[in-house]
PDB file of N, CA and C in Angstrom:
ATOM      1  N   UNK A   1       1.065  -0.922   0.017  1.00  0.00           N
ATOM      2  CA  UNK A   1       0.057  -0.024  -0.384  1.00  0.00           C
ATOM      3  C   UNK A   1       1.076   1.139  -0.001  1.00  0.00           C
ATOM      4  N   UNK A   2       0.622   2.170  -1.121  1.00  0.00           N
ATOM      5  CA  UNK A   2       1.742   3.459  -0.508  1.00  0.00           C
ATOM      6  C   UNK A   2       0.399   4.505  -0.295  1.00  0.00           C
ATOM      7  N   UNK A   3       0.901   5.158   0.873  1.00  0.00           N
ATOM      8  CA  UNK A   3      -0.066   6.387   0.953  1.00  0.00           C
ATOM      9  C   UNK A   3       0.707   7.230   0.865  1.00  0.00           C
ATOM     10  N   UNK A   4       0.121   8.715   0.057  1.00  0.00           N
ATOM     11  CA  UNK A   4       0.748  10.012  -0.146  1.00  0.00           C
ATOM     12  C   UNK A   4       0.139  10.593   0.067  1.00  0.00           C
ATOM     13  N   UNK A   5      -1.060  11.021   0.813  1.00  0.00           N
ATOM     14  CA  UNK A   5      -1.885  12.238   1.232  1.00  0.00           C
ATOM     15  C   UNK A   5      -1.655  12.232   2.996  1.00  0.00           C
ATOM     16  N   UNK A   6      -2.216  12.981   3.003  1.00  0.00           N
ATOM     17  CA  UNK A   6      -2.776  13.222   4.613  1.00  0.00           C
ATOM     18  C   UNK A   6      -4.330  13.969   5.033  1.00  0.00           C
ATOM     19  N   UNK A   7      -4.988  13.590   4.083  1.00  0.00           N
ATOM     20  CA  UNK A   7      -6.959  13.621   4.226  1.00  0.00           C
ATOM     21  C   UNK A   7      -7.155  12.732   4.937  1.00  0.00           C
ATOM     22  N   UNK A   8      -7.907  13.066   6.014  1.00  0.00           N
ATOM     23  CA  UNK A   8      -8.221  12.366   6.788  1.00  0.00           C
ATOM     24  C   UNK A   8      -9.056  10.870   6.192  1.00  0.00           C
ATOM     25  N   UNK A   9     -10.065  11.035   5.204  1.00  0.00           N
ATOM     26  CA  UNK A   9     -11.157  10.506   4.468  1.00  0.00           C
ATOM     27  C   UNK A   9      -9.752   9.042   4.100  1.00  0.00           C
ATOM     28  N   UNK A  10      -9.055   9.481   3.132  1.00  0.00           N
ATOM     29  CA  UNK A  10      -7.974   8.376   2.804  1.00  0.00           C
ATOM     30  C   UNK A  10      -7.200   7.869   3.731  1.00  0.00           C
ATOM     31  N   UNK A  11      -6.666   8.803   4.625  1.00  0.00           N
ATOM     32  CA  UNK A  11      -5.877   7.317   5.931  1.00  0.00           C
ATOM     33  C   UNK A  11      -6.807   6.714   6.482  1.00  0.00           C
ATOM     34  N   UNK A  12      -8.355   7.531   6.301  1.00  0.00           N
ATOM     35  CA  UNK A  12      -9.075   6.240   7.213  1.00  0.00           C
ATOM     36  C   UNK A  12      -9.375   4.518   6.285  1.00  0.00           C
ATOM     37  N   UNK A  13      -9.578   5.361   5.202  1.00  0.00           N
ATOM     38  CA  UNK A  13      -9.572   4.372   4.306  1.00  0.00           C
ATOM     39  C   UNK A  13      -8.715   3.065   4.266  1.00  0.00           C
ATOM     40  N   UNK A  14      -7.008   3.853   4.151  1.00  0.00           N
ATOM     41  CA  UNK A  14      -5.769   2.698   3.996  1.00  0.00           C
ATOM     42  C   UNK A  14      -5.572   2.180   5.647  1.00  0.00           C
ATOM     43  N   UNK A  15      -5.943   2.691   6.048  1.00  0.00           N
ATOM     44  CA  UNK A  15      -5.805   2.477   8.071  1.00  0.00           C
ATOM     45  C   UNK A  15      -6.904   0.886   7.854  1.00  0.00           C
ATOM     46  N   UNK A  16      -8.418   1.023   7.968  1.00  0.00           N
ATOM     47  CA  UNK A  16      -9.071  -0.046   7.517  1.00  0.00           C
ATOM     48  C   UNK A  16      -8.764  -0.849   6.813  1.00  0.00           C
ATOM     49  N   UNK A  17      -8.776  -0.683   5.769  1.00  0.00           N
ATOM     50  CA  UNK A  17      -8.196  -1.374   4.463  1.00  0.00           C
ATOM     51  C   UNK A  17      -6.668  -2.062   5.022  1.00  0.00           C
ATOM     52  N   UNK A  18      -6.074  -1.966   5.892  1.00  0.00           N
ATOM     53  CA  UNK A  18      -4.714  -2.508   6.357  1.00  0.00           C
ATOM     54  C   UNK A  18      -5.126  -3.323   7.857  1.00  0.00           C
ATOM     55  N   UNK A  19      -5.980  -2.793   8.530  1.00  0.00           N
ATOM     56  CA  UNK A  19      -6.280  -3.360   9.421  1.00  0.00           C
ATOM     57  C   UNK A  19      -6.845  -4.910   9.253  1.00  0.00           C
ATOM     58  N   UNK A  20      -8.095  -4.824   8.137  1.00  0.00           N
ATOM     59  CA  UNK A  20      -8.983  -5.789   7.645  1.00  0.00           C
ATOM     60  C   UNK A  20      -8.502  -6.852   6.999  1.00  0.00           C
ATOM     61  N   UNK A  21      -7.281  -6.029   6.116  1.00  0.00           N
ATOM     62  CA  UNK A  21      -6.265  -7.629   5.289  1.00  0.00           C
ATOM     63  C   UNK A  21      -5.605  -8.128   6.241  1.00  0.00           C
ATOM     64  N   UNK A  22      -4.833  -7.537   7.563  1.00  0.00           N
ATOM     65  CA  UNK A  22      -4.202  -8.330   8.569  1.00  0.00           C
ATOM     66  C   UNK A  22      -5.002  -9.208   9.465  1.00  0.00           C
ATOM     67  N   UNK A  23      -6.414  -9.060   9.872  1.00  0.00           N
ATOM     68  CA  UNK A  23      -7.213  -9.744  10.021  1.00  0.00           C
ATOM     69  C   UNK A  23      -7.894 -10.721   9.098  1.00  0.00           C
ATOM     70  N   UNK A  24      -7.005 -11.054   8.130  1.00  0.00           N
ATOM     71  CA  UNK A  24      -7.260 -12.182   7.130  1.00  0.00           C
ATOM     72  C   UNK A  24      -6.144 -12.959   6.990  1.00  0.00           C
ATOM     73  N   UNK A  25      -5.325 -12.533   8.042  1.00  0.00           N
ATOM     74  CA  UNK A  25      -4.091 -12.828   8.077  1.00  0.00           C
ATOM     75  C   UNK A  25      -2.746 -12.773   6.396  1.00  0.00           C
ATOM     76  N   UNK A  26      -3.089 -11.946   6.238  1.00  0.00           N
ATOM     77  CA  UNK A  26      -2.397 -10.743   5.000  1.00  0.00           C
ATOM     78  C   UNK A  26      -1.641 -10.089   5.520  1.00  0.00           C
ATOM     79  N   UNK A  27      -0.081 -10.462   5.078  1.00  0.00           N
ATOM     80  CA  UNK A  27       1.056  -8.860   5.443  1.00  0.00           C
ATOM     81  C   UNK A  27       0.864  -8.257   5.066  1.00  0.00           C
ATOM     82  N   UNK A  28       0.933  -6.302   5.142  1.00  0.00           N
ATOM     83  CA  UNK A  28       0.503  -5.310   4.726  1.00  0.00           C
ATOM     84  C   UNK A  28       1.932  -4.623   5.151  1.00  0.00           C
ATOM     85  N   UNK A  29       2.537  -4.090   3.864  1.00  0.00           N
ATOM     86  CA  UNK A  29       3.543  -2.651   4.326  1.00  0.00           C
ATOM     87  C   UNK A  29       2.930  -1.211   3.796  1.00  0.00           C
ATOM     88  N   UNK A  30       2.774  -0.682   4.556  1.00  0.00           N
ATOM     89  CA  UNK A  30       2.240   0.401   3.993  1.00  0.00           C
ATOM     90  C   UNK A  30       3.439   1.712   3.722  1.00  0.00           C
ATOM     91  N   UNK A  31       3.711   1.879   2.800  1.00  0.00           N
ATOM     92  CA  UNK A  31       5.111   2.725   2.067  1.00  0.00           C
ATOM     93  C   UNK A  31       4.093   4.431   2.474  1.00  0.00           C
ATOM     94  N   UNK A  32       4.540   5.160   3.570  1.00  0.00           N
ATOM     95  CA  UNK A  32       3.832   6.527   3.166  1.00  0.00           C
ATOM     96  C   UNK A  32       4.989   7.388   2.851  1.00  0.00           C
ATOM     97  N   UNK A  33       4.296   8.082   2.073  1.00  0.00           N
ATOM     98  CA  UNK A  33       5.297   8.923   0.967  1.00  0.00           C
ATOM     99  C   UNK A  33       4.434  10.657   0.936  1.00  0.00           C
ATOM    100  N   UNK A  34       5.329  11.423   0.782  1.00  0.00           N
ATOM    101  CA  UNK A  34       4.987  12.847   0.455  1.00  0.00           C
ATOM    102  C   UNK A  34       3.786  13.420   1.392  1.00  0.00           C
ATOM    103  N   UNK A  35       2.549  13.926   1.133  1.00  0.00           N
ATOM    104  CA  UNK A  35       2.431  14.607   2.451  1.00  0.00           C
ATOM    105  C   UNK A  35       1.453  14.028   3.267  1.00  0.00           C
ATOM    106  N   UNK A  36       1.416  12.223   2.866  1.00  0.00           N
ATOM    107  CA  UNK A  36       1.371  10.896   3.902  1.00  0.00           C
ATOM    108  C   UNK A  36       1.828  11.076   5.354  1.00  0.00           C
ATOM    109  N   UNK A  37       3.542  11.509   4.908  1.00  0.00           N
ATOM    110  CA  UNK A  37       4.404  11.991   5.912  1.00  0.00           C
ATOM    111  C   UNK A  37       3.610  12.519   7.015  1.00  0.00           C
ATOM    112  N   UNK A  38       3.044  13.460   6.618  1.00  0.00           N
ATOM    113  CA  UNK A  38       2.892  14.305   7.625  1.00  0.00           C
ATOM    114  C   UNK A  38       1.662  14.133   8.899  1.00  0.00           C
ATOM    115  N   UNK A  39       0.982  12.945   8.700  1.00  0.00           N
ATOM    116  CA  UNK A  39      -0.045  12.669   9.404  1.00  0.00           C
ATOM    117  C   UNK A  39       0.460  11.335  10.239  1.00  0.00           C
ATOM    118  N   UNK A  40       1.854  10.788  10.164  1.00  0.00           N
ATOM    119  CA  UNK A  40       2.689   9.742  10.942  1.00  0.00           C
ATOM    120  C   UNK A  40       3.824  10.602  11.555  1.00  0.00           C
ATOM    121  N   UNK A  41       3.923  12.222  11.777  1.00  0.00           N
ATOM    122  CA  UNK A  41       4.473  12.530  12.837  1.00  0.00           C
ATOM    123  C   UNK A  41       4.077  12.815  14.012  1.00  0.00           C
ATOM    124  N   UNK A  42       5.188  13.014  15.146  1.00  0.00           N
ATOM    125  CA  UNK A  42       4.271  12.914  15.847  1.00  0.00           C
ATOM    126  C   UNK A  42       3.387  13.667  16.647  1.00  0.00           C
ATOM    127  N   UNK A  43       3.636  15.244  16.192  1.00  0.00           N
ATOM    128  CA  UNK A  43       2.597  16.045  16.110  1.00  0.00           C
ATOM    129  C   UNK A  43       2.229  16.073  14.976  1.00  0.00           C
ATOM    130  N   UNK A  44       0.943  14.867  14.743  1.00  0.00           N
ATOM    131  CA  UNK A  44       0.118  15.147  12.935  1.00  0.00           C
ATOM    132  C   UNK A  44      -0.107  15.813  12.558  1.00  0.00           C
ATOM    133  N   UNK A  45      -0.478  16.238  11.284  1.00  0.00           N
ATOM    134  CA  UNK A  45      -1.008  17.397  10.859  1.00  0.00           C
ATOM    135  C   UNK A  45      -1.999  16.551  10.121  1.00  0.00           C
ATOM    136  N   UNK A  46      -3.204  16.318  10.464  1.00  0.00           N
ATOM    137  CA  UNK A  46      -4.288  15.520   9.409  1.00  0.00           C
ATOM    138  C   UNK A  46      -4.884  16.739   8.353  1.00  0.00           C
ATOM    139  N   UNK A  47      -5.265  16.454   7.053  1.00  0.00           N
ATOM    140  CA  UNK A  47      -5.959  17.669   6.645  1.00  0.00           C
ATOM    141  C   UNK A  47      -7.667  16.959   6.598  1.00  0.00           C
ATOM    142  N   UNK A  48      -8.381  17.829   6.629  1.00  0.00           N
ATOM    143  CA  UNK A  48      -9.777  18.066   6.463  1.00  0.00           C
ATOM    144  C   UNK A  48     -10.795  18.602   5.657  1.00  0.00           C
ATOM    145  N   UNK A  49     -10.070  18.538   4.327  1.00  0.00           N
ATOM    146  CA  UNK A  49     -10.037  19.504   3.370  1.00  0.00           C
ATOM    147  C   UNK A  49     -12.124  19.016   2.950  1.00  0.00           C
ATOM    148  N   UNK A  50     -12.281  17.825   2.817  1.00  0.00           N
ATOM    149  CA  UNK A  50     -13.152  16.873   2.068  1.00  0.00           C
ATOM    150  C   UNK A  50     -14.305  16.872   3.017  1.00  0.00           C
ATOM    151  N   UNK A  51     -15.696  17.056   2.964  1.00  0.00           N
ATOM    152  CA  UNK A  51     -16.804  16.700   3.523  1.00  0.00           C
ATOM    153  C   UNK A  51     -16.511  15.310   4.349  1.00  0.00           C
ATOM    154  N   UNK A  52     -16.358  14.654   3.968  1.00  0.00           N
ATOM    155  CA  UNK A  52     -16.061  13.091   4.092  1.00  0.00           C
ATOM    156  C   UNK A  52     -15.207  13.033   5.359  1.00  0.00           C
ATOM    157  N   UNK A  53     -13.883  13.794   4.971  1.00  0.00           N
ATOM    158  CA  UNK A  53     -13.173  13.981   6.238  1.00  0.00           C
ATOM    159  C   UNK A  53     -13.890  14.691   7.589  1.00  0.00           C
ATOM    160  N   UNK A  54     -14.387  15.664   7.218  1.00  0.00           N
ATOM    161  CA  UNK A  54     -15.048  16.654   8.158  1.00  0.00           C
ATOM    162  C   UNK A  54     -16.323  15.697   9.122  1.00  0.00           C
ATOM    163  N   UNK A  55     -17.014  14.630   8.276  1.00  0.00           N
ATOM    164  CA  UNK A  55     -17.808  14.083   8.786  1.00  0.00           C
ATOM    165  C   UNK A  55     -16.623  12.708   9.607  1.00  0.00           C
ATOM    166  N   UNK A  56     -15.925  12.097   9.385  1.00  0.00           N
ATOM    167  CA  UNK A  56     -15.353  11.323   9.874  1.00  0.00           C
ATOM    168  C   UNK A  56     -14.296  12.067  11.408  1.00  0.00           C
ATOM    169  N   UNK A  57     -14.587  13.237  11.046  1.00  0.00           N
ATOM    170  CA  UNK A  57     -13.766  13.853  12.419  1.00  0.00           C
ATOM    171  C   UNK A  57     -14.567  13.784  13.437  1.00  0.00           C
ATOM    172  N   UNK A  58     -16.384  14.025  12.537  1.00  0.00           N
ATOM    173  CA  UNK A  58     -16.999  14.215  14.119  1.00  0.00           C
ATOM    174  C   UNK A  58     -17.267  12.900  14.636  1.00  0.00           C
ATOM    175  N   UNK A  59     -17.375  11.597  13.996  1.00  0.00           N
ATOM    176  CA  UNK A  59     -17.608  10.446  14.288  1.00  0.00           C
ATOM    177  C   UNK A  59     -16.573   9.629  14.314  1.00  0.00           C
ATOM    178  N   UNK A  60     -15.745   9.416  14.333  1.00  0.00           N
ATOM    179  CA  UNK A  60     -14.367   8.472  14.452  1.00  0.00           C
ATOM    180  C   UNK A  60     -13.351   8.675  13.582  1.00  0.00           C
ATOM    181  N   UNK A  61     -12.668   9.865  14.669  1.00  0.00           N
ATOM    182  CA  UNK A  61     -11.616   9.931  14.142  1.00  0.00           C
ATOM    183  C   UNK A  61     -10.027   9.759  13.822  1.00  0.00           C
ATOM    184  N   UNK A  62     -10.070   8.553  14.933  1.00  0.00           N
ATOM    185  CA  UNK A  62      -9.276   7.090  15.406  1.00  0.00           C
ATOM    186  C   UNK A  62      -8.155   6.833  14.472  1.00  0.00           C
ATOM    187  N   UNK A  63      -7.650   7.029  13.369  1.00  0.00           N
ATOM    188  CA  UNK A  63      -7.491   6.426  12.260  1.00  0.00           C
ATOM    189  C   UNK A  63      -6.424   5.029  12.884  1.00  0.00           C
ATOM    190  N   UNK A  64      -5.642   5.551  14.119  1.00  0.00           N
ATOM    191  CA  UNK A  64      -4.674   5.006  14.728  1.00  0.00           C
ATOM    192  C   UNK A  64      -5.002   3.112  14.990  1.00  0.00           C
ATOM    193  N   UNK A  65      -6.203   3.319  15.717  1.00  0.00           N
ATOM    194  CA  UNK A  65      -6.910   2.279  16.282  1.00  0.00           C
ATOM    195  C   UNK A  65      -6.670   0.948  14.911  1.00  0.00           C
ATOM    196  N   UNK A  66      -7.105   1.396  13.994  1.00  0.00           N
ATOM    197  CA  UNK A  66      -7.230   0.268  12.752  1.00  0.00           C
ATOM    198  C   UNK A  66      -5.627  -0.297  12.674  1.00  0.00           C
ATOM    199  N   UNK A  67      -4.813   0.373  12.451  1.00  0.00           N
ATOM    200  CA  UNK A  67      -3.212   0.778  12.153  1.00  0.00           C
ATOM    201  C   UNK A  67      -2.723  -0.145  13.672  1.00  0.00           C
ATOM    202  N   UNK A  68      -3.469   0.126  15.046  1.00  0.00           N
ATOM    203  CA  UNK A  68      -2.805  -0.689  15.779  1.00  0.00           C
ATOM    204  C   UNK A  68      -2.843  -1.972  15.496  1.00  0.00           C
ATOM    205  N   UNK A  69      -4.175  -2.243  15.738  1.00  0.00           N
ATOM    206  CA  UNK A  69      -5.006  -3.636  15.269  1.00  0.00           C
ATOM    207  C   UNK A  69      -3.638  -4.599  14.548  1.00  0.00           C
ATOM    208  N   UNK A  70      -3.540  -3.962  13.572  1.00  0.00           N
ATOM    209  CA  UNK A  70      -2.533  -4.457  12.018  1.00  0.00           C
ATOM    210  C   UNK A  70      -1.293  -4.826  12.872  1.00  0.00           C
ATOM    211  N   UNK A  71      -0.797  -4.080  13.645  1.00  0.00           N
ATOM    212  CA  UNK A  71       0.240  -4.099  14.227  1.00  0.00           C
ATOM    213  C   UNK A  71       0.289  -5.284  15.325  1.00  0.00           C
ATOM    214  N   UNK A  72      -0.783  -4.856  15.963  1.00  0.00           N
ATOM    215  CA  UNK A  72      -0.808  -6.128  16.912  1.00  0.00           C
ATOM    216  C   UNK A  72      -0.324  -7.772  16.421  1.00  0.00           C
ATOM    217  N   UNK A  73      -0.857  -7.704  15.281  1.00  0.00           N
ATOM    218  CA  UNK A  73      -0.806  -9.138  14.677  1.00  0.00           C
ATOM    219  C   UNK A  73       0.347  -9.483  14.107  1.00  0.00           C
ATOM    220  N   UNK A  74       1.270  -8.771  13.909  1.00  0.00           N
ATOM    221  CA  UNK A  74       2.567  -8.833  13.802  1.00  0.00           C
ATOM    222  C   UNK A  74       2.428  -8.678  11.867  1.00  0.00           C
ATOM    223  N   UNK A  75       1.294  -8.316  11.710  1.00  0.00           N
ATOM    224  CA  UNK A  75       1.369  -8.797   9.748  1.00  0.00           C
ATOM    225  C   UNK A  75       1.111  -7.190   9.329  1.00  0.00           C
ATOM    226  N   UNK A  76       1.455  -5.921  10.112  1.00  0.00           N
ATOM    227  CA  UNK A  76       1.199  -4.922   9.339  1.00  0.00           C
ATOM    228  C   UNK A  76       2.752  -4.352   9.567  1.00  0.00           C
ATOM    229  N   UNK A  77       3.875  -3.589   8.513  1.00  0.00           N
ATOM    230  CA  UNK A  77       4.860  -2.703   8.433  1.00  0.00           C
ATOM    231  C   UNK A  77       4.728  -1.653   8.269  1.00  0.00           C
ATOM    232  N   UNK A  78       4.932  -0.694   8.684  1.00  0.00           N
ATOM    233  CA  UNK A  78       5.050   1.009   8.680  1.00  0.00           C
ATOM    234  C   UNK A  78       5.927   1.235   8.249  1.00  0.00           C
ATOM    235  N   UNK A  79       6.446   1.835   6.870  1.00  0.00           N
ATOM    236  CA  UNK A  79       7.467   2.552   6.233  1.00  0.00           C
ATOM    237  C   UNK A  79       7.534   4.013   5.774  1.00  0.00           C
ATOM    238  N   UNK A  80       7.957   4.829   6.168  1.00  0.00           N
ATOM    239  CA  UNK A  80       8.056   6.214   5.784  1.00  0.00           C
ATOM    240  C   UNK A  80       9.390   6.345   4.610  1.00  0.00           C
ATOM    241  N   UNK A  81       8.767   7.253   3.703  1.00  0.00           N
ATOM    242  CA  UNK A  81       9.188   7.020   2.617  1.00  0.00           C
ATOM    243  C   UNK A  81      10.740   8.264   2.406  1.00  0.00           C
ATOM    244  N   UNK A  82      12.140   7.769   2.314  1.00  0.00           N
ATOM    245  CA  UNK A  82      13.224   8.150   2.931  1.00  0.00           C
ATOM    246  C   UNK A  82      13.244   9.952   2.003  1.00  0.00           C
ATOM    247  N   UNK A  83      12.799   9.315   0.419  1.00  0.00           N
ATOM    248  CA  UNK A  83      12.510  10.710   0.181  1.00  0.00           C
ATOM    249  C   UNK A  83      11.935  12.314   0.798  1.00  0.00           C
ATOM    250  N   UNK A  84      10.423  11.340   1.149  1.00  0.00           N
ATOM    251  CA  UNK A  84       9.632  12.541   1.783  1.00  0.00           C
ATOM    252  C   UNK A  84      10.104  12.649   3.114  1.00  0.00           C
ATOM    253  N   UNK A  85      10.646  11.771   3.847  1.00  0.00           N
ATOM    254  CA  UNK A  85      11.350  12.296   5.225  1.00  0.00           C
ATOM    255  C   UNK A  85      12.752  12.978   4.987  1.00  0.00           C
ATOM    256  N   UNK A  86      12.623  13.362   4.141  1.00  0.00           N
ATOM    257  CA  UNK A  86      14.205  14.700   3.598  1.00  0.00           C
ATOM    258  C   UNK A  86      13.559  15.397   3.551  1.00  0.00           C
ATOM    259  N   UNK A  87      12.235  15.560   2.673  1.00  0.00           N
ATOM    260  CA  UNK A  87      11.826  16.802   2.776  1.00  0.00           C
ATOM    261  C   UNK A  87      11.649  17.429   3.241  1.00  0.00           C
ATOM    262  N   UNK A  88      10.796  17.075   4.251  1.00  0.00           N
ATOM    263  CA  UNK A  88      10.348  17.409   5.502  1.00  0.00           C
ATOM    264  C   UNK A  88      10.862  17.541   6.776  1.00  0.00           C
ATOM    265  N   UNK A  89      12.467  17.141   6.689  1.00  0.00           N
ATOM    266  CA  UNK A  89      13.392  17.681   7.234  1.00  0.00           C
ATOM    267  C   UNK A  89      13.003  16.701   8.903  1.00  0.00           C
ATOM    268  N   UNK A  90      13.014  15.228   8.666  1.00  0.00           N
ATOM    269  CA  UNK A  90      12.469  14.117   9.778  1.00  0.00           C
ATOM    270  C   UNK A  90      12.957  13.420   9.800  1.00  0.00           C
ATOM    271  N   UNK A  91      13.415  12.419  10.793  1.00  0.00           N
ATOM    272  CA  UNK A  91      14.050  11.685  11.398  1.00  0.00           C
ATOM    273  C   UNK A  91      12.838  10.539  11.989  1.00  0.00           C
ATOM    274  N   UNK A  92      13.661   9.458  12.129  1.00  0.00           N
ATOM    275  CA  UNK A  92      12.997   8.599  13.048  1.00  0.00           C
ATOM    276  C   UNK A  92      12.030   8.909  14.121  1.00  0.00           C
ATOM    277  N   UNK A  93      12.956   9.709  15.022  1.00  0.00           N
ATOM    278  CA  UNK A  93      12.361  10.299  16.141  1.00  0.00           C
ATOM    279  C   UNK A  93      11.112  10.908  16.208  1.00  0.00           C
ATOM    280  N   UNK A  94      10.996  11.428  14.916  1.00  0.00           N
ATOM    281  CA  UNK A  94      10.286  12.736  15.005  1.00  0.00           C
ATOM    282  C   UNK A  94       8.745  12.052  14.416  1.00  0.00           C
ATOM    283  N   UNK A  95       8.837  10.630  14.285  1.00  0.00           N
ATOM    284  CA  UNK A  95       7.671   9.931  13.688  1.00  0.00           C
ATOM    285  C   UNK A  95       7.107   9.056  15.026  1.00  0.00           C
ATOM    286  N   UNK A  96       5.538   8.766  14.544  1.00  0.00           N
ATOM    287  CA  UNK A  96       4.569   8.107  15.289  1.00  0.00           C
ATOM    288  C   UNK A  96       5.208   6.961  15.689  1.00  0.00           C
ATOM    289  N   UNK A  97       5.110   6.180  16.655  1.00  0.00           N
ATOM    290  CA  UNK A  97       5.441   4.780  16.843  1.00  0.00           C
ATOM    291  C   UNK A  97       5.126   3.676  16.240  1.00  0.00           C
ATOM    292  N   UNK A  98       4.319   3.931  15.608  1.00  0.00           N
ATOM    293  CA  UNK A  98       3.728   3.077  14.516  1.00  0.00           C
ATOM    294  C   UNK A  98       4.749   2.795  13.754  1.00  0.00           C
ATOM    295  N   UNK A  99       5.308   4.041  13.345  1.00  0.00           N
ATOM    296  CA  UNK A  99       6.244   3.317  12.352  1.00  0.00           C
ATOM    297  C   UNK A  99       7.495   2.813  12.162  1.00  0.00           C
ATOM    298  N   UNK A 100       7.870   1.475  11.368  1.00  0.00           N
ATOM    299  CA  UNK A 100       8.984   0.805  11.953  1.00  0.00           C
ATOM    300  C   UNK A 100      10.504   1.540  11.216  1.00  0.00           C
ATOM    301  N   UNK A 101      10.390   2.055  10.268  1.00  0.00           N
ATOM    302  CA  UNK A 101      11.611   2.431   9.979  1.00  0.00           C
ATOM    303  C   UNK A 101      11.333   3.692   8.718  1.00  0.00           C
ATOM    304  N   UNK A 102      12.783   3.929   7.990  1.00  0.00           N
ATOM    305  CA  UNK A 102      12.391   5.192   7.034  1.00  0.00           C
ATOM    306  C   UNK A 102      13.103   3.880   5.858  1.00  0.00           C
ATOM    307  N   UNK A 103      12.084   4.113   4.941  1.00  0.00           N
ATOM    308  CA  UNK A 103      12.685   3.272   3.143  1.00  0.00           C
ATOM    309  C   UNK A 103      13.028   4.002   2.072  1.00  0.00           C
ATOM    310  N   UNK A 104      13.818   3.677   1.500  1.00  0.00           N
ATOM    311  CA  UNK A 104      13.848   4.371   0.094  1.00  0.00           C
ATOM    312  C   UNK A 104      12.988   3.821  -0.917  1.00  0.00           C
ATOM    313  N   UNK A 105      12.202   4.420  -1.771  1.00  0.00           N
ATOM    314  CA  UNK A 105      11.671   3.316  -2.966  1.00  0.00           C
ATOM    315  C   UNK A 105      12.240   1.952  -3.209  1.00  0.00           C
ATOM    316  N   UNK A 106      13.393   2.031  -3.845  1.00  0.00           N
ATOM    317  CA  UNK A 106      13.975   1.166  -4.207  1.00  0.00           C
ATOM    318  C   UNK A 106      13.376   0.081  -3.157  1.00  0.00           C
ATOM    319  N   UNK A 107      13.832  -0.147  -1.866  1.00  0.00           N
ATOM    320  CA  UNK A 107      13.569  -1.271  -1.199  1.00  0.00           C
ATOM    321  C   UNK A 107      12.141  -1.599  -0.704  1.00  0.00           C
ATOM    322  N   UNK A 108      11.346  -0.622  -0.505  1.00  0.00           N
ATOM    323  CA  UNK A 108       9.912  -1.058  -1.313  1.00  0.00           C
ATOM    324  C   UNK A 108       9.869  -1.883  -2.229  1.00  0.00           C
ATOM    325  N   UNK A 109      10.505  -1.497  -3.149  1.00  0.00           N
ATOM    326  CA  UNK A 109       9.647  -1.728  -4.548  1.00  0.00           C
ATOM    327  C   UNK A 109      10.326  -3.367  -4.366  1.00  0.00           C
ATOM    328  N   UNK A 110      11.495  -3.825  -3.786  1.00  0.00           N
ATOM    329  CA  UNK A 110      12.443  -5.275  -3.908  1.00  0.00           C
ATOM    330  C   UNK A 110      11.251  -5.481  -3.077  1.00  0.00           C
ATOM    331  N   UNK A 111      10.783  -4.882  -1.894  1.00  0.00           N
ATOM    332  CA  UNK A 111      10.151  -6.111  -0.758  1.00  0.00           C
ATOM    333  C   UNK A 111       8.599  -6.115  -0.906  1.00  0.00           C
ATOM    334  N   UNK A 112       7.794  -5.580  -1.845  1.00  0.00           N
ATOM    335  CA  UNK A 112       6.797  -5.866  -2.684  1.00  0.00           C
ATOM    336  C   UNK A 112       6.700  -6.433  -4.011  1.00  0.00           C
ATOM    337  N   UNK A 113       7.834  -6.687  -4.689  1.00  0.00           N
ATOM    338  CA  UNK A 113       7.724  -7.450  -6.308  1.00  0.00           C
ATOM    339  C   UNK A 113       6.747  -7.640  -6.442  1.00  0.00           C
ATOM    340  N   UNK A 114       6.337  -8.382  -5.644  1.00  0.00           N
ATOM    341  CA  UNK A 114       5.055  -9.922  -6.626  1.00  0.00           C
ATOM    342  C   UNK A 114       3.739  -9.214  -5.790  1.00  0.00           C
ATOM    343  N   UNK A 115       4.140  -8.233  -4.845  1.00  0.00           N
ATOM    344  CA  UNK A 115       2.567  -7.704  -4.173  1.00  0.00           C
ATOM    345  C   UNK A 115       1.734  -6.791  -4.770  1.00  0.00           C
ATOM    346  N   UNK A 116       0.368  -7.163  -4.690  1.00  0.00           N
ATOM    347  CA  UNK A 116      -0.904  -6.523  -4.871  1.00  0.00           C
ATOM    348  C   UNK A 116      -0.672  -4.843  -4.502  1.00  0.00           C
ATOM    349  N   UNK A 117      -0.323  -3.928  -5.025  1.00  0.00           N
ATOM    350  CA  UNK A 117      -0.148  -2.562  -4.809  1.00  0.00           C
ATOM    351  C   UNK A 117      -1.285  -1.578  -4.460  1.00  0.00           C
ATOM    352  N   UNK A 118      -1.609  -0.988  -3.636  1.00  0.00           N
ATOM    353  CA  UNK A 118      -3.068  -0.263  -3.537  1.00  0.00           C
ATOM    354  C   UNK A 118      -2.541   1.414  -3.005  1.00  0.00           C
ATOM    355  N   UNK A 119      -2.341   2.351  -4.413  1.00  0.00           N
ATOM    356  CA  UNK A 119      -2.028   3.745  -4.251  1.00  0.00           C
ATOM    357  C   UNK A 119      -3.606   4.650  -3.738  1.00  0.00           C
ATOM    358  N   UNK A 120      -2.923   5.138  -2.662  1.00  0.00           N
ATOM    359  CA  UNK A 120      -3.912   5.530  -2.156  1.00  0.00           C
ATOM    360  C   UNK A 120      -3.575   7.392  -1.886  1.00  0.00           C
ATOM    361  N   UNK A 121      -3.837   8.091  -3.020  1.00  0.00           N
ATOM    362  CA  UNK A 121      -3.482   9.258  -2.862  1.00  0.00           C
ATOM    363  C   UNK A 121      -4.776  10.705  -2.386  1.00  0.00           C
TER     364      UNK A 121
END
């Protein structure tokens, strides 16, 4: 899965999808890039520019609970894009505890060579 946005509706979809897939014993790698990095900072920046995001924010804004479920299964790994981390001038200590590490796109491509990729922008 590639997450390239910090829009709440897209992050929520990605989180629910990851949680659901791991509950079915599928391994999931979430590669967080570009604006998506802002959602995984310790002081996260979540965008709510769409009506759906505003509705989610009122109803159930905690996308992390779905990611925690996936992480508890041991089947979900979350990596932040090296290039995006450079752009935002962040390192591992600046990131949410859910993030496993910072990877380059090449490492992500090698690790997911035969996998289904779900892009979320």
